[in-house]
């Protein structure tokens, strides 16, 4: 199996394939009591797009030979999809919902890499 870091790169690729915006990789490894090693966060413009992004992530992870997400949750009617790969959690937000949940602020101590 690949490292959490490698898996987060695969997830980023899946997001890029469907033109996700504001892709952010948060390294949580130095933070105590976190649920994962990495969060990969992105935004989409519509529920159709965030759905497409999640499918694209699934495809890329599968192509990389990794097992599928441990759990996938679609929050409040396609405004936020959470894909839990245990060490890495992907968050796909509808643009205007992203600030509302404020994950970036919540994990402000994380080392953050903005992809684009």
N, C-alpha and C. Protein backbone atom coordinates (compact mmCIF):
# COMPACT_ATOMS: atom_id res chain seq x y z
N UNK A 1 0.84 -1.21 0.00
CA UNK A 1 0.00 0.00 0.00
C UNK A 1 0.88 1.26 0.00
N UNK A 2 0.35 2.30 -0.54
CA UNK A 2 1.13 3.53 -0.63
C UNK A 2 1.06 4.34 0.65
N UNK A 3 1.99 5.26 0.79
CA UNK A 3 1.98 6.13 1.96
C UNK A 3 0.80 7.10 1.86
N UNK A 4 0.45 7.69 2.98
CA UNK A 4 -0.64 8.67 3.01
C UNK A 4 -0.31 9.84 2.08
N UNK A 5 0.97 10.20 2.06
CA UNK A 5 1.41 11.31 1.22
C UNK A 5 1.20 10.99 -0.26
N UNK A 6 1.58 9.79 -0.66
CA UNK A 6 1.40 9.36 -2.06
C UNK A 6 -0.09 9.30 -2.41
N UNK A 7 -0.88 8.79 -1.49
CA UNK A 7 -2.32 8.69 -1.73
C UNK A 7 -2.95 10.07 -1.88
N UNK A 8 -2.48 11.02 -1.09
CA UNK A 8 -3.05 12.37 -1.21
C UNK A 8 -2.75 12.96 -2.59
N UNK A 9 -1.60 12.61 -3.17
CA UNK A 9 -1.27 13.08 -4.52
C UNK A 9 -2.20 12.47 -5.57
N UNK A 10 -2.56 11.20 -5.37
CA UNK A 10 -3.48 10.52 -6.28
C UNK A 10 -4.86 11.18 -6.20
N UNK A 11 -5.27 11.52 -5.00
CA UNK A 11 -6.56 12.18 -4.78
C UNK A 11 -6.58 13.56 -5.46
N UNK A 12 -5.46 14.29 -5.35
CA UNK A 12 -5.34 15.59 -6.02
C UNK A 12 -5.52 15.41 -7.53
N UNK A 13 -4.89 14.37 -8.08
CA UNK A 13 -5.00 14.11 -9.52
C UNK A 13 -6.47 13.88 -9.90
N UNK A 14 -7.18 13.11 -9.08
CA UNK A 14 -8.60 12.87 -9.34
C UNK A 14 -9.41 14.17 -9.33
N UNK A 15 -9.04 15.07 -8.44
CA UNK A 15 -9.72 16.36 -8.36
C UNK A 15 -9.41 17.20 -9.60
N UNK A 16 -8.14 17.22 -9.98
CA UNK A 16 -7.73 18.02 -11.14
C UNK A 16 -8.39 17.55 -12.43
N UNK A 17 -8.56 16.24 -12.55
CA UNK A 17 -9.20 15.67 -13.75
C UNK A 17 -10.57 16.29 -14.01
N UNK A 18 -11.26 16.66 -12.94
CA UNK A 18 -12.60 17.24 -13.10
C UNK A 18 -12.62 18.73 -12.78
N UNK A 19 -11.45 19.36 -12.93
CA UNK A 19 -11.32 20.81 -12.78
C UNK A 19 -11.83 21.37 -11.45
N UNK A 20 -11.54 20.67 -10.37
CA UNK A 20 -11.88 21.19 -9.05
C UNK A 20 -11.08 22.47 -8.82
N UNK A 21 -11.61 23.37 -8.03
CA UNK A 21 -10.87 24.60 -7.75
C UNK A 21 -10.40 24.63 -6.29
N UNK A 22 -9.46 25.53 -6.02
CA UNK A 22 -8.94 25.72 -4.66
C UNK A 22 -8.54 24.42 -3.98
N UNK A 23 -7.69 23.66 -4.64
CA UNK A 23 -7.26 22.39 -4.06
C UNK A 23 -6.20 22.65 -3.00
N UNK A 24 -6.41 22.06 -1.85
CA UNK A 24 -5.55 22.30 -0.70
C UNK A 24 -5.20 20.97 -0.06
N UNK A 25 -3.91 20.77 0.20
CA UNK A 25 -3.49 19.56 0.91
C UNK A 25 -3.02 19.98 2.30
N UNK A 26 -3.63 19.41 3.32
CA UNK A 26 -3.27 19.75 4.69
C UNK A 26 -2.58 18.56 5.35
N UNK A 27 -1.34 18.78 5.77
CA UNK A 27 -0.56 17.74 6.43
C UNK A 27 -0.81 17.85 7.94
N UNK A 28 -1.51 16.85 8.47
CA UNK A 28 -1.91 16.90 9.88
C UNK A 28 -1.01 16.04 10.77
N UNK A 29 0.10 15.53 10.19
CA UNK A 29 0.90 14.55 10.93
C UNK A 29 1.55 15.09 12.20
N UNK A 30 1.78 16.40 12.24
CA UNK A 30 2.43 16.94 13.44
C UNK A 30 1.42 17.36 14.51
N UNK A 31 0.14 17.20 14.18
CA UNK A 31 -0.90 17.63 15.10
C UNK A 31 -1.43 16.43 15.90
N UNK A 32 -1.52 16.59 17.20
CA UNK A 32 -1.99 15.48 18.05
C UNK A 32 -3.48 15.19 17.85
N UNK A 33 -3.82 13.94 18.03
CA UNK A 33 -5.23 13.50 18.03
C UNK A 33 -6.02 13.85 16.77
N UNK A 34 -5.39 13.76 15.62
CA UNK A 34 -6.16 14.04 14.41
C UNK A 34 -6.74 12.73 13.88
N UNK A 35 -7.78 12.86 13.08
CA UNK A 35 -8.46 11.70 12.53
C UNK A 35 -7.72 11.09 11.35
N UNK A 36 -6.81 11.86 10.75
CA UNK A 36 -6.11 11.39 9.55
C UNK A 36 -4.75 12.06 9.47
N UNK A 37 -3.90 11.59 8.54
CA UNK A 37 -2.60 12.22 8.31
C UNK A 37 -2.71 13.41 7.37
N UNK A 38 -3.62 13.28 6.42
CA UNK A 38 -3.82 14.34 5.43
C UNK A 38 -5.29 14.61 5.17
N UNK A 39 -5.61 15.87 4.96
CA UNK A 39 -6.91 16.27 4.41
C UNK A 39 -6.60 16.81 3.03
N UNK A 40 -7.40 16.43 2.04
CA UNK A 40 -7.29 17.05 0.72
C UNK A 40 -8.65 17.69 0.47
N UNK A 41 -8.63 19.00 0.28
CA UNK A 41 -9.88 19.75 0.20
C UNK A 41 -9.97 20.42 -1.17
N UNK A 42 -11.17 20.44 -1.74
CA UNK A 42 -11.35 21.18 -2.98
C UNK A 42 -12.77 21.71 -3.07
N UNK A 43 -12.99 22.55 -4.08
CA UNK A 43 -14.33 23.10 -4.29
C UNK A 43 -14.82 22.76 -5.69
N UNK A 44 -16.14 22.70 -5.80
CA UNK A 44 -16.78 22.50 -7.09
C UNK A 44 -17.92 23.50 -7.23
N UNK A 45 -18.37 23.73 -8.47
CA UNK A 45 -19.38 24.76 -8.72
C UNK A 45 -20.82 24.29 -8.60
N UNK A 46 -21.02 22.97 -8.67
CA UNK A 46 -22.39 22.46 -8.66
C UNK A 46 -22.40 21.07 -8.05
N UNK A 47 -23.57 20.60 -7.67
CA UNK A 47 -23.64 19.26 -7.11
C UNK A 47 -23.21 18.21 -8.15
N UNK A 48 -23.49 18.49 -9.43
CA UNK A 48 -23.06 17.58 -10.50
C UNK A 48 -21.55 17.50 -10.54
N UNK A 49 -20.90 18.66 -10.42
CA UNK A 49 -19.43 18.67 -10.47
C UNK A 49 -18.82 17.98 -9.25
N UNK A 50 -19.36 18.23 -8.05
CA UNK A 50 -18.74 17.58 -6.89
C UNK A 50 -18.93 16.07 -6.93
N UNK A 51 -20.03 15.65 -7.52
CA UNK A 51 -20.28 14.23 -7.72
C UNK A 51 -19.25 13.65 -8.69
N UNK A 52 -19.01 14.37 -9.80
CA UNK A 52 -18.03 13.94 -10.81
C UNK A 52 -16.63 13.88 -10.20
N UNK A 53 -16.30 14.85 -9.34
CA UNK A 53 -14.99 14.87 -8.69
C UNK A 53 -14.82 13.63 -7.81
N UNK A 54 -15.85 13.29 -7.05
CA UNK A 54 -15.73 12.12 -6.18
C UNK A 54 -15.56 10.83 -6.98
N UNK A 55 -16.26 10.72 -8.09
CA UNK A 55 -16.11 9.54 -8.96
C UNK A 55 -14.70 9.48 -9.55
N UNK A 56 -14.19 10.64 -9.93
CA UNK A 56 -12.85 10.74 -10.50
C UNK A 56 -11.79 10.32 -9.48
N UNK A 57 -11.96 10.73 -8.23
CA UNK A 57 -11.05 10.33 -7.16
C UNK A 57 -11.07 8.82 -7.01
N UNK A 58 -12.28 8.24 -6.98
CA UNK A 58 -12.42 6.78 -6.88
C UNK A 58 -11.65 6.08 -7.99
N UNK A 59 -11.80 6.59 -9.21
CA UNK A 59 -11.12 6.00 -10.37
C UNK A 59 -9.60 6.05 -10.24
N UNK A 60 -9.09 7.23 -9.88
CA UNK A 60 -7.63 7.40 -9.75
C UNK A 60 -7.06 6.51 -8.65
N UNK A 61 -7.76 6.41 -7.54
CA UNK A 61 -7.31 5.59 -6.42
C UNK A 61 -7.31 4.12 -6.83
N UNK A 62 -8.35 3.73 -7.56
CA UNK A 62 -8.46 2.36 -8.06
C UNK A 62 -7.32 2.05 -9.04
N UNK A 63 -7.06 3.00 -9.95
CA UNK A 63 -5.98 2.83 -10.92
C UNK A 63 -4.62 2.71 -10.25
N UNK A 64 -4.48 3.38 -9.11
CA UNK A 64 -3.22 3.34 -8.37
C UNK A 64 -3.09 2.05 -7.55
N UNK A 65 -4.13 1.22 -7.63
CA UNK A 65 -4.08 -0.07 -6.96
C UNK A 65 -4.41 -0.03 -5.47
N UNK A 66 -5.04 1.07 -5.05
CA UNK A 66 -5.42 1.18 -3.64
C UNK A 66 -6.87 0.76 -3.44
N UNK A 67 -7.21 0.41 -2.21
CA UNK A 67 -8.59 0.00 -1.96
C UNK A 67 -9.50 1.22 -1.88
N UNK A 68 -10.77 0.96 -2.11
CA UNK A 68 -11.73 2.06 -2.15
C UNK A 68 -11.93 2.68 -0.76
N UNK A 69 -12.58 3.82 -0.76
CA UNK A 69 -12.77 4.57 0.48
C UNK A 69 -13.45 3.71 1.54
N UNK A 70 -13.02 3.87 2.75
CA UNK A 70 -13.58 3.16 3.88
C UNK A 70 -15.02 3.61 4.09
N UNK A 71 -15.23 4.90 3.96
CA UNK A 71 -16.61 5.38 3.90
C UNK A 71 -16.72 6.67 3.12
N UNK A 72 -17.88 6.85 2.50
CA UNK A 72 -18.15 8.05 1.73
C UNK A 72 -19.44 8.62 2.25
N UNK A 73 -19.42 9.89 2.61
CA UNK A 73 -20.64 10.53 3.08
C UNK A 73 -20.97 11.72 2.20
N UNK A 74 -22.22 11.78 1.77
CA UNK A 74 -22.68 12.96 1.05
C UNK A 74 -23.43 13.81 2.05
N UNK A 75 -22.85 14.93 2.41
CA UNK A 75 -23.49 15.77 3.42
C UNK A 75 -24.55 16.66 2.79
N UNK A 76 -25.61 16.87 3.49
CA UNK A 76 -26.70 17.78 3.12
C UNK A 76 -26.85 17.97 1.60
N UNK A 77 -27.41 16.97 0.97
CA UNK A 77 -27.77 17.00 -0.46
C UNK A 77 -26.69 17.52 -1.39
N UNK A 78 -25.59 16.86 -1.39
CA UNK A 78 -24.57 17.19 -2.39
C UNK A 78 -23.92 18.55 -2.22
N UNK A 79 -23.84 19.04 -0.97
CA UNK A 79 -23.12 20.29 -0.77
C UNK A 79 -21.71 20.02 -0.28
N UNK A 80 -21.51 18.81 0.19
CA UNK A 80 -20.21 18.44 0.72
C UNK A 80 -20.10 16.93 0.66
N UNK A 81 -19.10 16.42 -0.03
CA UNK A 81 -18.86 14.97 -0.04
C UNK A 81 -17.57 14.70 0.70
N UNK A 82 -17.63 13.75 1.61
CA UNK A 82 -16.46 13.38 2.40
C UNK A 82 -16.07 11.95 2.01
N UNK A 83 -14.81 11.75 1.64
CA UNK A 83 -14.34 10.41 1.27
C UNK A 83 -13.21 10.02 2.21
N UNK A 84 -13.46 9.00 3.00
CA UNK A 84 -12.53 8.64 4.05
C UNK A 84 -11.66 7.44 3.64
N UNK A 85 -10.38 7.72 3.38
CA UNK A 85 -9.43 6.66 3.05
C UNK A 85 -8.55 6.35 4.26
N UNK A 86 -9.10 6.48 5.44
CA UNK A 86 -8.44 6.26 6.72
C UNK A 86 -7.31 7.26 6.99
N UNK A 87 -6.15 7.10 6.32
CA UNK A 87 -5.04 8.04 6.56
C UNK A 87 -5.22 9.37 5.84
N UNK A 88 -6.04 9.33 4.81
CA UNK A 88 -6.29 10.53 4.03
C UNK A 88 -7.80 10.72 3.87
N UNK A 89 -8.26 11.92 4.13
CA UNK A 89 -9.68 12.21 3.96
C UNK A 89 -9.83 13.31 2.91
N UNK A 90 -10.65 13.02 1.89
CA UNK A 90 -10.91 14.01 0.84
C UNK A 90 -12.22 14.71 1.15
N UNK A 91 -12.21 16.03 1.04
CA UNK A 91 -13.41 16.84 1.26
C UNK A 91 -13.70 17.60 -0.02
N UNK A 92 -14.89 17.39 -0.57
CA UNK A 92 -15.26 18.08 -1.80
C UNK A 92 -16.45 18.97 -1.46
N UNK A 93 -16.22 20.27 -1.54
CA UNK A 93 -17.26 21.21 -1.14
C UNK A 93 -17.90 21.93 -2.31
N UNK A 94 -19.16 22.24 -2.16
CA UNK A 94 -19.79 23.20 -3.03
C UNK A 94 -19.19 24.54 -2.61
N UNK A 95 -18.74 25.33 -3.58
CA UNK A 95 -17.99 26.56 -3.29
C UNK A 95 -18.48 27.36 -2.09
N UNK A 96 -19.77 27.69 -2.12
CA UNK A 96 -20.27 28.58 -1.07
C UNK A 96 -20.42 27.90 0.30
N UNK A 97 -20.31 26.59 0.33
CA UNK A 97 -20.43 25.88 1.61
C UNK A 97 -19.08 25.74 2.30
N UNK A 98 -18.02 25.88 1.52
CA UNK A 98 -16.70 25.61 2.07
C UNK A 98 -16.33 26.52 3.24
N UNK A 99 -16.58 27.81 3.08
CA UNK A 99 -16.26 28.76 4.15
C UNK A 99 -17.10 28.50 5.38
N UNK A 100 -18.33 28.11 5.15
CA UNK A 100 -19.26 27.84 6.23
C UNK A 100 -18.72 26.78 7.19
N UNK A 101 -18.10 25.74 6.63
CA UNK A 101 -17.57 24.68 7.49
C UNK A 101 -16.20 25.01 8.08
N UNK A 102 -15.47 25.92 7.42
CA UNK A 102 -14.22 26.43 7.96
C UNK A 102 -13.18 25.42 8.38
N UNK A 103 -13.02 24.36 7.60
CA UNK A 103 -12.02 23.33 7.94
C UNK A 103 -10.61 23.90 8.01
N UNK A 104 -10.31 24.82 7.09
CA UNK A 104 -8.96 25.40 7.05
C UNK A 104 -8.62 26.10 8.36
N UNK A 105 -9.61 26.82 8.91
CA UNK A 105 -9.39 27.54 10.16
C UNK A 105 -9.29 26.56 11.33
N UNK A 106 -10.15 25.56 11.28
CA UNK A 106 -10.21 24.56 12.33
C UNK A 106 -8.88 23.85 12.53
N UNK A 107 -8.21 23.57 11.42
CA UNK A 107 -6.92 22.87 11.45
C UNK A 107 -5.81 23.83 11.08
N UNK A 108 -5.89 25.04 11.58
CA UNK A 108 -4.96 26.11 11.22
C UNK A 108 -3.49 25.80 11.43
N UNK A 109 -3.18 24.85 12.33
CA UNK A 109 -1.79 24.52 12.62
C UNK A 109 -1.18 23.57 11.59
N UNK A 110 -2.01 23.03 10.71
CA UNK A 110 -1.52 22.07 9.73
C UNK A 110 -0.62 22.74 8.71
N UNK A 111 0.35 21.98 8.20
CA UNK A 111 1.17 22.46 7.11
C UNK A 111 0.32 22.35 5.85
N UNK A 112 0.12 23.49 5.20
CA UNK A 112 -0.83 23.53 4.10
C UNK A 112 -0.16 23.80 2.76
N UNK A 113 -0.50 23.00 1.76
CA UNK A 113 0.02 23.20 0.42
C UNK A 113 -1.14 23.51 -0.51
N UNK A 114 -1.11 24.71 -1.10
CA UNK A 114 -2.16 25.07 -2.04
C UNK A 114 -1.74 24.60 -3.43
N UNK A 115 -2.57 23.78 -4.04
CA UNK A 115 -2.21 23.24 -5.36
C UNK A 115 -2.50 24.26 -6.45
N UNK A 116 -3.69 24.85 -6.43
CA UNK A 116 -4.01 25.94 -7.36
C UNK A 116 -5.34 26.55 -6.98
